[in-house]
Amino acid sequence: MPYMLISTQIRLETGPTNVGDEYSDPVVMNYLGARKTTMLGNNFSEYHVDDPPRLVLDKLERIGFRVLTMTGVGQTLVWCLHKETE
């Protein structure tokens, strides 16, 4: 999994943070302490952690991920990260 998106709502910049979708690497999700949830009415799952984005970004950097870009979309902050494959 070389790419990853994480996001949070602007008003919730202290957490929780969305860290992956149903296809995310379970090893990375376990490392982050993420829990898989499915919101009522959605036909897909997402992973969430209670940590703020800054802590999540720090953890991901320790295992080789680097931020490619960051943007705001409406009331949501989104980071795109990449990890070089070996």
Protein backbone atom coordinates (compact mmCIF):
# COMPACT_ATOMS: atom_id res chain seq x y z
CA MET A 1 0.00 0.00 0.00
CA PRO A 2 2.18 2.90 -1.15
CA TYR A 3 -0.50 5.65 -0.88
CA MET A 4 -2.68 6.66 2.04
CA LEU A 5 -5.27 9.38 2.66
CA ILE A 6 -6.02 10.65 6.14
CA SER A 7 -8.60 13.29 6.99
CA THR A 8 -10.44 15.09 9.76
CA GLN A 9 -13.13 17.71 10.11
CA ILE A 10 -11.77 21.22 10.71
CA ARG A 11 -13.79 21.57 13.88
CA LEU A 12 -12.37 18.22 15.09
CA GLU A 13 -8.69 18.93 14.49
CA THR A 14 -7.90 17.30 17.84
CA GLY A 15 -9.42 14.02 16.63
CA PRO A 16 -10.82 11.67 15.61
CA THR A 17 -8.88 11.13 12.39
CA ASN A 18 -9.99 9.00 9.43
CA VAL A 19 -7.00 6.87 8.46
CA GLY A 20 -8.12 4.41 5.84
CA ASP A 21 -10.80 2.58 3.94
CA GLU A 22 -11.86 -1.08 3.87
CA TYR A 23 -8.92 -1.91 1.56
CA SER A 24 -6.22 -0.39 3.80
CA ASP A 25 -3.29 -2.49 4.99
CA PRO A 26 -4.43 -4.18 8.23
CA VAL A 27 -0.86 -4.16 9.60
CA VAL A 28 -0.65 -0.36 9.27
CA MET A 29 -4.16 0.05 10.69
CA ASN A 30 -3.23 -2.11 13.67
CA TYR A 31 -0.03 -0.07 14.21
CA LEU A 32 -2.14 3.12 14.29
CA GLY A 33 -4.64 1.55 16.69
CA ALA A 34 -7.44 2.15 14.17
CA ARG A 35 -10.90 0.66 14.43
CA LYS A 36 -12.97 -0.29 11.39
CA THR A 37 -16.48 1.17 11.33
CA THR A 38 -19.38 1.34 8.92
CA MET A 39 -21.68 4.35 9.20
CA LEU A 40 -25.41 3.67 8.99
CA GLY A 41 -26.51 3.94 5.36
CA ASN A 42 -23.01 3.50 3.87
CA ASN A 43 -22.04 0.37 1.95
CA PHE A 44 -18.33 0.79 2.78
CA SER A 45 -16.14 0.77 5.89
CA GLU A 46 -13.58 3.27 7.17
CA TYR A 47 -10.83 3.16 9.77
CA HIS A 48 -10.73 5.79 12.54
CA VAL A 49 -8.40 6.65 15.42
CA ASP A 50 -9.05 9.01 18.34
CA ASP A 51 -5.64 10.70 17.85
CA PRO A 52 -5.35 14.12 16.22
CA PRO A 53 -3.90 14.23 12.69
CA ARG A 54 -0.50 15.50 13.89
CA LEU A 55 0.06 12.38 15.99
CA VAL A 56 -1.11 10.13 13.15
CA LEU A 57 1.28 11.87 10.73
CA ASP A 58 4.14 11.42 13.24
CA LYS A 59 3.39 7.69 13.56
CA LEU A 60 3.20 7.22 9.78
CA GLU A 61 6.48 9.06 9.26
CA ARG A 62 8.18 6.61 11.65
CA ILE A 63 7.26 3.74 9.33
CA GLY A 64 8.33 5.46 6.11
CA PHE A 65 5.33 7.48 4.90
CA ARG A 66 5.86 11.04 3.63
CA VAL A 67 3.24 13.74 3.05
CA LEU A 68 2.82 14.48 -0.66
CA THR A 69 0.12 17.12 -0.35
CA MET A 70 -2.50 18.55 1.96
CA THR A 71 -5.70 20.41 1.18
CA GLY A 72 -8.97 21.58 2.62
CA VAL A 73 -12.20 20.35 1.04
CA GLY A 74 -15.16 22.19 2.50
CA GLN A 75 -14.89 21.58 6.25
CA THR A 76 -12.50 18.64 5.83
CA LEU A 77 -8.69 18.58 5.98
CA VAL A 78 -7.07 15.87 3.81
CA TRP A 79 -3.46 14.65 3.65
CA CYS A 80 -2.10 12.37 0.91
CA LEU A 81 0.91 10.29 1.97
CA HIS A 82 3.21 7.96 0.08
CA LYS A 83 5.62 5.24 1.11
CA GLU A 84 8.39 4.11 -1.23
CA THR A 85 8.18 0.42 -2.09
CA GLU A 86 11.26 -1.65 -1.40
